[in-house]
PDB file of all heavy atoms in Angstrom:
ATOM      1  N   LEU A   1       0.839  -1.197   0.000  1.00  0.00           N
ATOM      2  CA  LEU A   1       0.000   0.000   0.000  1.00  0.00           C
ATOM      3  C   LEU A   1       0.872   1.244   0.000  1.00  0.00           C
ATOM      4  O   LEU A   1       1.659   1.462   0.908  1.00  0.00           O
ATOM      5  CB  LEU A   1      -0.916   0.018   1.226  1.00  0.00           C
ATOM      6  CG  LEU A   1      -1.765   1.282   1.425  1.00  0.00           C
ATOM      7  CD1 LEU A   1      -2.687   1.501   0.226  1.00  0.00           C
ATOM      8  CD2 LEU A   1      -2.562   1.194   2.715  1.00  0.00           C
ATOM      9  N   SER A   2       0.710   2.070  -1.033  1.00  0.00           N
ATOM     10  CA  SER A   2       1.437   3.339  -1.145  1.00  0.00           C
ATOM     11  C   SER A   2       0.458   4.483  -0.921  1.00  0.00           C
ATOM     12  O   SER A   2      -0.369   4.773  -1.786  1.00  0.00           O
ATOM     13  CB  SER A   2       2.092   3.467  -2.527  1.00  0.00           C
ATOM     14  OG  SER A   2       2.606   4.773  -2.713  1.00  0.00           O
ATOM     15  N   LEU A   3       0.554   5.123   0.232  1.00  0.00           N
ATOM     16  CA  LEU A   3      -0.306   6.268   0.526  1.00  0.00           C
ATOM     17  C   LEU A   3       0.350   7.580   0.099  1.00  0.00           C
ATOM     18  O   LEU A   3      -0.193   8.650   0.365  1.00  0.00           O
ATOM     19  CB  LEU A   3      -0.649   6.312   2.016  1.00  0.00           C
ATOM     20  CG  LEU A   3      -1.622   5.233   2.506  1.00  0.00           C
ATOM     21  CD1 LEU A   3      -1.914   5.397   3.987  1.00  0.00           C
ATOM     22  CD2 LEU A   3      -2.918   5.251   1.706  1.00  0.00           C
ATOM     23  N   GLY A   4       1.496   7.482  -0.552  1.00  0.00           N
ATOM     24  CA  GLY A   4       2.144   8.668  -1.091  1.00  0.00           C
ATOM     25  C   GLY A   4       2.236   8.603  -2.606  1.00  0.00           C
ATOM     26  O   GLY A   4       3.077   9.262  -3.211  1.00  0.00           O
ATOM     27  N   HIS A   5       1.341   7.825  -3.219  1.00  0.00           N
ATOM     28  CA  HIS A   5       1.417   7.618  -4.661  1.00  0.00           C
ATOM     29  C   HIS A   5       1.191   8.908  -5.438  1.00  0.00           C
ATOM     30  O   HIS A   5       1.656   9.048  -6.566  1.00  0.00           O
ATOM     31  CB  HIS A   5       0.383   6.570  -5.086  1.00  0.00           C
ATOM     32  CG  HIS A   5       0.753   5.829  -6.328  1.00  0.00           C
ATOM     33  ND1 HIS A   5       1.819   4.955  -6.385  1.00  0.00           N
ATOM     34  CD2 HIS A   5       0.219   5.829  -7.571  1.00  0.00           C
ATOM     35  CE1 HIS A   5       1.921   4.449  -7.592  1.00  0.00           C
ATOM     36  NE2 HIS A   5       0.958   4.969  -8.333  1.00  0.00           N
ATOM     37  N   ILE A   6       0.511   9.852  -4.820  1.00  0.00           N
ATOM     38  CA  ILE A   6       0.253  11.123  -5.487  1.00  0.00           C
ATOM     39  C   ILE A   6       1.551  11.878  -5.744  1.00  0.00           C
ATOM     40  O   ILE A   6       1.599  12.764  -6.604  1.00  0.00           O
ATOM     41  CB  ILE A   6      -0.719  11.974  -4.632  1.00  0.00           C
ATOM     42  CG1 ILE A   6      -1.280  13.138  -5.443  1.00  0.00           C
ATOM     43  CG2 ILE A   6      -0.029  12.470  -3.373  1.00  0.00           C
ATOM     44  CD1 ILE A   6      -2.105  12.717  -6.622  1.00  0.00           C
ATOM     45  N   ALA A   7       2.620  11.534  -5.005  1.00  0.00           N
ATOM     46  CA  ALA A   7       3.915  12.193  -5.233  1.00  0.00           C
ATOM     47  C   ALA A   7       4.402  11.946  -6.659  1.00  0.00           C
ATOM     48  O   ALA A   7       4.893  12.864  -7.321  1.00  0.00           O
ATOM     49  CB  ALA A   7       4.948  11.690  -4.231  1.00  0.00           C
ATOM     50  N   PHE A   8       4.278  10.728  -7.155  1.00  0.00           N
ATOM     51  CA  PHE A   8       4.723  10.414  -8.515  1.00  0.00           C
ATOM     52  C   PHE A   8       3.860  11.148  -9.545  1.00  0.00           C
ATOM     53  O   PHE A   8       4.357  11.611 -10.576  1.00  0.00           O
ATOM     54  CB  PHE A   8       4.670   8.906  -8.755  1.00  0.00           C
ATOM     55  CG  PHE A   8       5.428   8.106  -7.734  1.00  0.00           C
ATOM     56  CD1 PHE A   8       4.796   7.124  -6.979  1.00  0.00           C
ATOM     57  CD2 PHE A   8       6.774   8.338  -7.507  1.00  0.00           C
ATOM     58  CE1 PHE A   8       5.499   6.392  -6.034  1.00  0.00           C
ATOM     59  CE2 PHE A   8       7.487   7.610  -6.560  1.00  0.00           C
ATOM     60  CZ  PHE A   8       6.841   6.632  -5.818  1.00  0.00           C
ATOM     61  N   PHE A   9       2.577  11.234  -9.255  1.00  0.00           N
ATOM     62  CA  PHE A   9       1.658  11.983 -10.116  1.00  0.00           C
ATOM     63  C   PHE A   9       2.086  13.447 -10.193  1.00  0.00           C
ATOM     64  O   PHE A   9       2.188  14.025 -11.277  1.00  0.00           O
ATOM     65  CB  PHE A   9       0.246  11.860  -9.527  1.00  0.00           C
ATOM     66  CG  PHE A   9      -0.829  12.519 -10.341  1.00  0.00           C
ATOM     67  CD1 PHE A   9      -1.531  11.800 -11.297  1.00  0.00           C
ATOM     68  CD2 PHE A   9      -1.175  13.845 -10.136  1.00  0.00           C
ATOM     69  CE1 PHE A   9      -2.547  12.391 -12.032  1.00  0.00           C
ATOM     70  CE2 PHE A   9      -2.178  14.451 -10.863  1.00  0.00           C
ATOM     71  CZ  PHE A   9      -2.873  13.725 -11.815  1.00  0.00           C
ATOM     72  N   GLY A  10       2.364  14.053  -9.026  1.00  0.00           N
ATOM     73  CA  GLY A  10       2.763  15.455  -8.995  1.00  0.00           C
ATOM     74  C   GLY A  10       4.126  15.692  -9.621  1.00  0.00           C
ATOM     75  O   GLY A  10       4.344  16.713 -10.296  1.00  0.00           O
ATOM     76  N   ILE A  11       5.053  14.764  -9.406  1.00  0.00           N
ATOM     77  CA  ILE A  11       6.379  14.897 -10.020  1.00  0.00           C
ATOM     78  C   ILE A  11       6.256  14.887 -11.540  1.00  0.00           C
ATOM     79  O   ILE A  11       6.877  15.688 -12.247  1.00  0.00           O
ATOM     80  CB  ILE A  11       7.310  13.759  -9.539  1.00  0.00           C
ATOM     81  CG1 ILE A  11       7.709  14.000  -8.078  1.00  0.00           C
ATOM     82  CG2 ILE A  11       8.546  13.648 -10.419  1.00  0.00           C
ATOM     83  CD1 ILE A  11       8.412  12.833  -7.430  1.00  0.00           C
ATOM     84  N   GLY A  12       5.438  13.980 -12.069  1.00  0.00           N
ATOM     85  CA  GLY A  12       5.217  13.947 -13.506  1.00  0.00           C
ATOM     86  C   GLY A  12       4.628  15.244 -14.016  1.00  0.00           C
ATOM     87  O   GLY A  12       5.027  15.757 -15.067  1.00  0.00           O
ATOM     88  N   ALA A  13       3.692  15.820 -13.252  1.00  0.00           N
ATOM     89  CA  ALA A  13       3.059  17.074 -13.660  1.00  0.00           C
ATOM     90  C   ALA A  13       4.070  18.212 -13.695  1.00  0.00           C
ATOM     91  O   ALA A  13       4.146  18.983 -14.671  1.00  0.00           O
ATOM     92  CB  ALA A  13       1.912  17.403 -12.706  1.00  0.00           C
ATOM     93  N   TYR A  14       4.877  18.347 -12.639  1.00  0.00           N
ATOM     94  CA  TYR A  14       5.829  19.458 -12.563  1.00  0.00           C
ATOM     95  C   TYR A  14       6.974  19.295 -13.552  1.00  0.00           C
ATOM     96  O   TYR A  14       7.400  20.273 -14.190  1.00  0.00           O
ATOM     97  CB  TYR A  14       6.368  19.579 -11.137  1.00  0.00           C
ATOM     98  CG  TYR A  14       5.570  20.531 -10.279  1.00  0.00           C
ATOM     99  CD1 TYR A  14       4.598  20.060  -9.417  1.00  0.00           C
ATOM    100  CD2 TYR A  14       5.770  21.907 -10.349  1.00  0.00           C
ATOM    101  CE1 TYR A  14       3.844  20.932  -8.636  1.00  0.00           C
ATOM    102  CE2 TYR A  14       5.031  22.784  -9.570  1.00  0.00           C
ATOM    103  CZ  TYR A  14       4.072  22.291  -8.710  1.00  0.00           C
ATOM    104  OH  TYR A  14       3.326  23.161  -7.967  1.00  0.00           O
ATOM    105  N   VAL A  15       7.491  18.082 -13.698  1.00  0.00           N
ATOM    106  CA  VAL A  15       8.595  17.866 -14.644  1.00  0.00           C
ATOM    107  C   VAL A  15       8.150  18.180 -16.061  1.00  0.00           C
ATOM    108  O   VAL A  15       8.849  18.862 -16.825  1.00  0.00           O
ATOM    109  CB  VAL A  15       9.117  16.418 -14.537  1.00  0.00           C
ATOM    110  CG1 VAL A  15      10.045  16.092 -15.702  1.00  0.00           C
ATOM    111  CG2 VAL A  15       9.846  16.214 -13.220  1.00  0.00           C
ATOM    112  N   SER A  16       6.979  17.708 -16.429  1.00  0.00           N
ATOM    113  CA  SER A  16       6.483  17.951 -17.779  1.00  0.00           C
ATOM    114  C   SER A  16       6.208  19.437 -18.010  1.00  0.00           C
ATOM    115  O   SER A  16       6.546  19.986 -19.062  1.00  0.00           O
ATOM    116  CB  SER A  16       5.209  17.137 -18.011  1.00  0.00           C
ATOM    117  OG  SER A  16       4.859  17.126 -19.366  1.00  0.00           O
ATOM    118  N   ALA A  17       5.617  20.091 -17.000  1.00  0.00           N
ATOM    119  CA  ALA A  17       5.321  21.518 -17.135  1.00  0.00           C
ATOM    120  C   ALA A  17       6.594  22.346 -17.245  1.00  0.00           C
ATOM    121  O   ALA A  17       6.711  23.230 -18.104  1.00  0.00           O
ATOM    122  CB  ALA A  17       4.480  21.985 -15.947  1.00  0.00           C
ATOM    123  N   LEU A  18       7.577  22.083 -16.384  1.00  0.00           N
ATOM    124  CA  LEU A  18       8.818  22.859 -16.396  1.00  0.00           C
ATOM    125  C   LEU A  18       9.622  22.593 -17.666  1.00  0.00           C
ATOM    126  O   LEU A  18      10.299  23.489 -18.176  1.00  0.00           O
ATOM    127  CB  LEU A  18       9.645  22.520 -15.158  1.00  0.00           C
ATOM    128  CG  LEU A  18       9.092  23.049 -13.829  1.00  0.00           C
ATOM    129  CD1 LEU A  18       9.850  22.451 -12.652  1.00  0.00           C
ATOM    130  CD2 LEU A  18       9.164  24.568 -13.793  1.00  0.00           C
ATOM    131  N   THR A  19       9.567  21.355 -18.173  1.00  0.00           N
ATOM    132  CA  THR A  19      10.274  21.052 -19.420  1.00  0.00           C
ATOM    133  C   THR A  19       9.716  21.862 -20.577  1.00  0.00           C
ATOM    134  O   THR A  19      10.472  22.370 -21.427  1.00  0.00           O
ATOM    135  CB  THR A  19      10.158  19.551 -19.732  1.00  0.00           C
ATOM    136  OG1 THR A  19      10.760  18.795 -18.671  1.00  0.00           O
ATOM    137  CG2 THR A  19      10.865  19.215 -21.036  1.00  0.00           C
ATOM    138  N   SER A  20       8.409  22.004 -20.620  1.00  0.00           N
ATOM    139  CA  SER A  20       7.792  22.716 -21.740  1.00  0.00           C
ATOM    140  C   SER A  20       7.769  24.230 -21.546  1.00  0.00           C
ATOM    141  O   SER A  20       7.682  24.968 -22.532  1.00  0.00           O
ATOM    142  CB  SER A  20       6.363  22.202 -21.954  1.00  0.00           C
ATOM    143  OG  SER A  20       5.592  22.343 -20.770  1.00  0.00           O
ATOM    144  N   LEU A  21       7.863  24.705 -20.292  1.00  0.00           N
ATOM    145  CA  LEU A  21       7.870  26.146 -20.033  1.00  0.00           C
ATOM    146  C   LEU A  21       9.277  26.736 -20.035  1.00  0.00           C
ATOM    147  O   LEU A  21       9.472  27.901 -20.385  1.00  0.00           O
ATOM    148  CB  LEU A  21       7.218  26.446 -18.676  1.00  0.00           C
ATOM    149  CG  LEU A  21       5.704  26.321 -18.586  1.00  0.00           C
ATOM    150  CD1 LEU A  21       5.257  26.435 -17.138  1.00  0.00           C
ATOM    151  CD2 LEU A  21       5.025  27.367 -19.445  1.00  0.00           C
ATOM    152  N   GLY A  22      10.260  25.921 -19.619  1.00  0.00           N
ATOM    153  CA  GLY A  22      11.609  26.427 -19.426  1.00  0.00           C
ATOM    154  C   GLY A  22      11.743  27.086 -18.057  1.00  0.00           C
ATOM    155  O   GLY A  22      10.740  27.427 -17.414  1.00  0.00           O
ATOM    156  N   PHE A  23      12.986  27.274 -17.609  1.00  0.00           N
ATOM    157  CA  PHE A  23      13.211  27.907 -16.310  1.00  0.00           C
ATOM    158  C   PHE A  23      14.634  28.438 -16.238  1.00  0.00           C
ATOM    159  O   PHE A  23      15.514  28.049 -16.999  1.00  0.00           O
ATOM    160  CB  PHE A  23      12.949  26.925 -15.163  1.00  0.00           C
ATOM    161  CG  PHE A  23      13.725  25.635 -15.240  1.00  0.00           C
ATOM    162  CD1 PHE A  23      15.015  25.542 -14.756  1.00  0.00           C
ATOM    163  CD2 PHE A  23      13.149  24.511 -15.830  1.00  0.00           C
ATOM    164  CE1 PHE A  23      15.730  24.363 -14.838  1.00  0.00           C
ATOM    165  CE2 PHE A  23      13.856  23.316 -15.920  1.00  0.00           C
ATOM    166  CZ  PHE A  23      15.146  23.242 -15.417  1.00  0.00           C
ATOM    167  N   ASP A  24      14.831  29.333 -15.301  1.00  0.00           N
ATOM    168  CA  ASP A  24      16.142  29.927 -15.018  1.00  0.00           C
ATOM    169  C   ASP A  24      16.262  29.997 -13.509  1.00  0.00           C
ATOM    170  O   ASP A  24      15.622  30.821 -12.852  1.00  0.00           O
ATOM    171  CB  ASP A  24      16.240  31.314 -15.639  1.00  0.00           C
ATOM    172  CG  ASP A  24      17.606  31.971 -15.407  1.00  0.00           C
ATOM    173  OD1 ASP A  24      18.430  31.386 -14.676  1.00  0.00           O
ATOM    174  OD2 ASP A  24      17.825  33.072 -15.931  1.00  0.00           O
ATOM    175  N   VAL A  25      17.063  29.107 -12.915  1.00  0.00           N
ATOM    176  CA  VAL A  25      17.093  28.977 -11.472  1.00  0.00           C
ATOM    177  C   VAL A  25      18.532  28.896 -10.985  1.00  0.00           C
ATOM    178  O   VAL A  25      19.395  28.294 -11.635  1.00  0.00           O
ATOM    179  CB  VAL A  25      16.293  27.736 -11.028  1.00  0.00           C
ATOM    180  CG1 VAL A  25      16.893  26.463 -11.595  1.00  0.00           C
ATOM    181  CG2 VAL A  25      16.203  27.638  -9.515  1.00  0.00           C
ATOM    182  N   GLU A  26      18.795  29.500  -9.837  1.00  0.00           N
ATOM    183  CA  GLU A  26      20.118  29.436  -9.213  1.00  0.00           C
ATOM    184  C   GLU A  26      20.138  28.282  -8.231  1.00  0.00           C
ATOM    185  O   GLU A  26      19.237  28.130  -7.403  1.00  0.00           O
ATOM    186  CB  GLU A  26      20.422  30.744  -8.483  1.00  0.00           C
ATOM    187  CG  GLU A  26      21.818  30.767  -7.866  1.00  0.00           C
ATOM    188  CD  GLU A  26      22.153  32.107  -7.211  1.00  0.00           C
ATOM    189  OE1 GLU A  26      21.331  33.047  -7.360  1.00  0.00           O
ATOM    190  OE2 GLU A  26      23.203  32.200  -6.564  1.00  0.00           O
ATOM    191  N   ILE A  27      21.191  27.461  -8.303  1.00  0.00           N
ATOM    192  CA  ILE A  27      21.290  26.290  -7.437  1.00  0.00           C
ATOM    193  C   ILE A  27      22.373  26.452  -6.375  1.00  0.00           C
ATOM    194  O   ILE A  27      22.677  25.522  -5.648  1.00  0.00           O
ATOM    195  CB  ILE A  27      21.550  25.016  -8.252  1.00  0.00           C
ATOM    196  CG1 ILE A  27      22.862  25.131  -9.033  1.00  0.00           C
ATOM    197  CG2 ILE A  27      20.388  24.716  -9.169  1.00  0.00           C
ATOM    198  CD1 ILE A  27      23.242  23.846  -9.753  1.00  0.00           C
ATOM    199  N   GLY A  28      22.966  27.648  -6.278  1.00  0.00           N
ATOM    200  CA  GLY A  28      23.972  27.899  -5.258  1.00  0.00           C
ATOM    201  C   GLY A  28      25.361  28.121  -5.835  1.00  0.00           C
ATOM    202  O   GLY A  28      25.666  27.689  -6.958  1.00  0.00           O
ATOM    203  N   PHE A  29      26.200  28.819  -5.040  1.00  0.00           N
ATOM    204  CA  PHE A  29      27.587  29.113  -5.425  1.00  0.00           C
ATOM    205  C   PHE A  29      27.649  29.885  -6.744  1.00  0.00           C
ATOM    206  O   PHE A  29      28.584  29.712  -7.541  1.00  0.00           O
ATOM    207  CB  PHE A  29      28.415  27.824  -5.530  1.00  0.00           C
ATOM    208  CG  PHE A  29      28.408  26.992  -4.285  1.00  0.00           C
ATOM    209  CD1 PHE A  29      27.621  25.842  -4.206  1.00  0.00           C
ATOM    210  CD2 PHE A  29      29.143  27.371  -3.166  1.00  0.00           C
ATOM    211  CE1 PHE A  29      27.602  25.067  -3.072  1.00  0.00           C
ATOM    212  CE2 PHE A  29      29.116  26.595  -2.013  1.00  0.00           C
ATOM    213  CZ  PHE A  29      28.362  25.449  -1.959  1.00  0.00           C
ATOM    214  N   GLY A  30      26.628  30.710  -6.975  1.00  0.00           N
ATOM    215  CA  GLY A  30      26.614  31.521  -8.185  1.00  0.00           C
ATOM    216  C   GLY A  30      26.337  30.767  -9.462  1.00  0.00           C
ATOM    217  O   GLY A  30      26.509  31.301 -10.555  1.00  0.00           O
ATOM    218  N   THR A  31      25.910  29.509  -9.336  1.00  0.00           N
ATOM    219  CA  THR A  31      25.633  28.681 -10.509  1.00  0.00           C
ATOM    220  C   THR A  31      24.151  28.744 -10.855  1.00  0.00           C
ATOM    221  O   THR A  31      23.295  28.574  -9.985  1.00  0.00           O
ATOM    222  CB  THR A  31      26.028  27.216 -10.246  1.00  0.00           C
ATOM    223  OG1 THR A  31      27.410  27.168  -9.868  1.00  0.00           O
ATOM    224  CG2 THR A  31      25.799  26.369 -11.495  1.00  0.00           C
ATOM    225  N   ARG A  32      23.876  28.983 -12.099  1.00  0.00           N
ATOM    226  CA  ARG A  32      22.493  29.028 -12.558  1.00  0.00           C
ATOM    227  C   ARG A  32      22.267  27.963 -13.625  1.00  0.00           C
ATOM    228  O   ARG A  32      23.154  27.649 -14.418  1.00  0.00           O
ATOM    229  CB  ARG A  32      22.136  30.403 -13.131  1.00  0.00           C
ATOM    230  CG  ARG A  32      22.311  31.560 -12.173  1.00  0.00           C
ATOM    231  CD  ARG A  32      21.652  32.817 -12.705  1.00  0.00           C
ATOM    232  NE  ARG A  32      20.200  32.694 -12.732  1.00  0.00           N
ATOM    233  CZ  ARG A  32      19.431  32.948 -11.674  1.00  0.00           C
ATOM    234  NH1 ARG A  32      19.963  33.335 -10.520  1.00  0.00           N
ATOM    235  NH2 ARG A  32      18.115  32.831 -11.775  1.00  0.00           N
ATOM    236  N   ILE A  33      21.061  27.417 -13.624  1.00  0.00           N
ATOM    237  CA  ILE A  33      20.645  26.469 -14.659  1.00  0.00           C
ATOM    238  C   ILE A  33      19.588  27.148 -15.506  1.00  0.00           C
ATOM    239  O   ILE A  33      18.539  27.568 -14.994  1.00  0.00           O
ATOM    240  CB  ILE A  33      20.104  25.165 -14.053  1.00  0.00           C
ATOM    241  CG1 ILE A  33      21.193  24.443 -13.267  1.00  0.00           C
ATOM    242  CG2 ILE A  33      19.556  24.260 -15.152  1.00  0.00           C
ATOM    243  CD1 ILE A  33      20.720  23.150 -12.636  1.00  0.00           C
ATOM    244  N   VAL A  34      19.876  27.280 -16.774  1.00  0.00           N
ATOM    245  CA  VAL A  34      18.932  27.909 -17.702  1.00  0.00           C
ATOM    246  C   VAL A  34      18.459  26.841 -18.682  1.00  0.00           C
ATOM    247  O   VAL A  34      19.269  26.203 -19.361  1.00  0.00           O
ATOM    248  CB  VAL A  34      19.581  29.081 -18.459  1.00  0.00           C
ATOM    249  CG1 VAL A  34      18.586  29.691 -19.432  1.00  0.00           C
ATOM    250  CG2 VAL A  34      20.100  30.128 -17.475  1.00  0.00           C
ATOM    251  N   HIS A  35      17.167  26.647 -18.714  1.00  0.00           N
ATOM    252  CA  HIS A  35      16.582  25.643 -19.609  1.00  0.00           C
ATOM    253  C   HIS A  35      15.600  26.315 -20.545  1.00  0.00           C
ATOM    254  O   HIS A  35      14.642  26.962 -20.110  1.00  0.00           O
ATOM    255  CB  HIS A  35      15.873  24.557 -18.795  1.00  0.00           C
ATOM    256  CG  HIS A  35      15.004  23.656 -19.622  1.00  0.00           C
ATOM    257  ND1 HIS A  35      15.510  22.799 -20.571  1.00  0.00           N
ATOM    258  CD2 HIS A  35      13.655  23.507 -19.667  1.00  0.00           C
ATOM    259  CE1 HIS A  35      14.517  22.145 -21.152  1.00  0.00           C
ATOM    260  NE2 HIS A  35      13.385  22.563 -20.618  1.00  0.00           N
ATOM    261  N   GLU A  36      15.836  26.192 -21.816  1.00  0.00           N
ATOM    262  CA  GLU A  36      14.919  26.726 -22.816  1.00  0.00           C
ATOM    263  C   GLU A  36      13.735  25.762 -23.000  1.00  0.00           C
ATOM    264  O   GLU A  36      13.889  24.548 -22.818  1.00  0.00           O
ATOM    265  CB  GLU A  36      15.637  26.920 -24.147  1.00  0.00           C
ATOM    266  CG  GLU A  36      16.758  27.942 -24.099  1.00  0.00           C
ATOM    267  CD  GLU A  36      16.264  29.341 -23.756  1.00  0.00           C
ATOM    268  OE1 GLU A  36      15.101  29.656 -24.131  1.00  0.00           O
ATOM    269  OE2 GLU A  36      17.015  30.096 -23.120  1.00  0.00           O
ATOM    270  N   PRO A  37      12.574  26.289 -23.335  1.00  0.00           N
ATOM    271  CA  PRO A  37      11.400  25.412 -23.487  1.00  0.00           C
ATOM    272  C   PRO A  37      11.599  24.327 -24.541  1.00  0.00           C
ATOM    273  O   PRO A  37      12.135  24.592 -25.618  1.00  0.00           O
ATOM    274  CB  PRO A  37      10.294  26.396 -23.885  1.00  0.00           C
ATOM    275  CG  PRO A  37      10.750  27.719 -23.374  1.00  0.00           C
ATOM    276  CD  PRO A  37      12.240  27.710 -23.497  1.00  0.00           C
ATOM    277  N   TRP A  38      11.172  23.114 -24.198  1.00  0.00           N
ATOM    278  CA  TRP A  38      11.168  21.981 -25.122  1.00  0.00           C
ATOM    279  C   TRP A  38       9.727  21.614 -25.457  1.00  0.00           C
ATOM    280  O   TRP A  38       8.797  22.024 -24.751  1.00  0.00           O
ATOM    281  CB  TRP A  38      11.876  20.776 -24.500  1.00  0.00           C
ATOM    282  CG  TRP A  38      13.368  20.922 -24.413  1.00  0.00           C
ATOM    283  CD1 TRP A  38      14.117  21.954 -24.888  1.00  0.00           C
ATOM    284  CD2 TRP A  38      14.281  20.009 -23.810  1.00  0.00           C
ATOM    285  NE1 TRP A  38      15.449  21.748 -24.632  1.00  0.00           N
ATOM    286  CE2 TRP A  38      15.586  20.563 -23.961  1.00  0.00           C
ATOM    287  CE3 TRP A  38      14.143  18.793 -23.158  1.00  0.00           C
ATOM    288  CZ2 TRP A  38      16.727  19.924 -23.479  1.00  0.00           C
ATOM    289  CZ3 TRP A  38      15.281  18.149 -22.679  1.00  0.00           C
ATOM    290  CH2 TRP A  38      16.554  18.708 -22.844  1.00  0.00           C
ATOM    291  N   PRO A  39       9.503  20.852 -26.505  1.00  0.00           N
ATOM    292  CA  PRO A  39       8.126  20.445 -26.836  1.00  0.00           C
ATOM    293  C   PRO A  39       7.464  19.691 -25.686  1.00  0.00           C
ATOM    294  O   PRO A  39       8.122  18.968 -24.918  1.00  0.00           O
ATOM    295  CB  PRO A  39       8.321  19.533 -28.058  1.00  0.00           C
ATOM    296  CG  PRO A  39       9.612  19.983 -28.656  1.00  0.00           C
ATOM    297  CD  PRO A  39      10.477  20.391 -27.506  1.00  0.00           C
TER     298      PRO A  39
END
């Protein structure tokens, strides 16, 4: 029994949304990750 199964559902939603929207985020030590939108 997995009572946290919604986590995988939400991860799929956010990963797919961020992949198609793109993002520009700082991960620390002055390093930034810039992702251009993908299909």
